[in-house]
Amino acid sequence: MHHNPQTHAGLLARIPEVTGQGLSHWFACVEAGPNLLSAEQRAHWLSDEHTLPAAYAAAIVDEHDRRRLASRA
């Protein structure tokens, strides 16, 4: 699930308040989680494993992937 840029930014900004953890914590969870290929599968796993709302889990996975790709460029 991809959100428009404004929604994505809003979700990211609220993650610490909603989840009690910052993005670095959630990125570490994604990296330590199972080696699932699709972003959708990883978002579902993150949501299920850590009881996160699906939209926040999707935003975390999407941002993790964006940053990972940007670091390779």
Protein backbone atom coordinates (compact mmCIF):
# COMPACT_ATOMS: atom_id res chain seq x y z
CA MET A 1 0.00 0.00 0.00
CA HIS A 2 1.51 3.28 -1.08
CA HIS A 3 0.20 6.57 0.25
CA ASN A 4 0.34 9.92 -1.45
CA PRO A 5 3.35 11.99 -0.32
CA GLN A 6 1.33 14.18 2.06
CA THR A 7 -0.33 11.22 3.78
CA HIS A 8 2.98 9.36 3.94
CA ALA A 9 4.69 12.34 5.60
CA GLY A 10 1.83 12.71 8.08
CA LEU A 11 1.95 9.04 9.04
CA LEU A 12 5.72 9.18 9.52
CA ALA A 13 5.43 12.28 11.69
CA ARG A 14 2.89 10.57 13.97
CA ILE A 15 4.69 7.23 14.34
CA PRO A 16 6.57 8.13 17.56
CA GLU A 17 3.37 9.41 19.19
CA VAL A 18 1.17 6.54 18.01
CA THR A 19 3.64 3.70 18.58
CA GLY A 20 5.87 5.00 21.36
CA GLN A 21 8.92 4.24 19.20
CA GLY A 22 10.88 6.16 16.57
CA LEU A 23 11.54 5.14 13.00
CA SER A 24 14.99 3.74 13.81
CA HIS A 25 13.36 1.18 16.14
CA TRP A 26 10.86 0.13 13.47
CA PHE A 27 13.54 -0.03 10.76
CA ALA A 28 15.52 -2.38 13.01
CA CYS A 29 12.39 -4.54 13.43
CA VAL A 30 11.91 -4.71 9.66
CA GLU A 31 15.57 -5.68 9.18
CA ALA A 32 15.41 -8.34 11.92
CA GLY A 33 12.14 -9.76 10.66
CA PRO A 34 11.58 -12.58 8.22
CA ASN A 35 13.02 -12.28 4.73
CA LEU A 36 9.75 -11.54 2.95
CA LEU A 37 10.01 -10.30 -0.61
CA SER A 38 7.13 -7.89 -1.03
CA ALA A 39 6.60 -4.68 0.86
CA GLU A 40 3.00 -5.73 1.43
CA GLN A 41 4.07 -8.98 3.11
CA ARG A 42 6.58 -7.15 5.32
CA ALA A 43 3.97 -4.55 6.28
CA HIS A 44 1.46 -7.27 7.19
CA TRP A 45 4.09 -9.07 9.25
CA LEU A 46 5.10 -5.86 11.03
CA SER A 47 1.48 -5.00 11.74
CA ASP A 48 0.66 -8.48 13.04
CA GLU A 49 3.88 -9.02 14.99
CA HIS A 50 3.88 -5.64 16.73
CA THR A 51 0.15 -4.84 16.77
CA LEU A 52 0.58 -1.74 14.61
CA PRO A 53 -2.19 -0.16 12.59
CA ALA A 54 -1.79 -1.32 8.99
CA ALA A 55 -1.33 2.18 7.55
CA TYR A 56 1.57 2.89 9.91
CA ALA A 57 3.21 -0.47 9.21
CA ALA A 58 2.95 0.18 5.46
CA ALA A 59 4.44 3.66 5.87
CA ILE A 60 7.34 2.27 7.93
CA VAL A 61 8.14 -0.42 5.36
CA ASP A 62 7.80 2.04 2.47
CA GLU A 63 10.11 4.57 4.14
CA HIS A 64 12.60 1.83 5.04
CA ASP A 65 12.70 0.73 1.39
CA ARG A 66 13.04 4.31 0.13
CA ARG A 67 15.95 5.03 2.44
CA ARG A 68 17.64 1.74 1.65
CA LEU A 69 17.42 2.42 -2.08
CA ALA A 70 18.64 6.01 -1.64
CA SER A 71 21.68 4.81 0.32
CA ARG A 72 22.66 2.54 -2.57
CA ALA A 73 22.56 5.33 -5.13
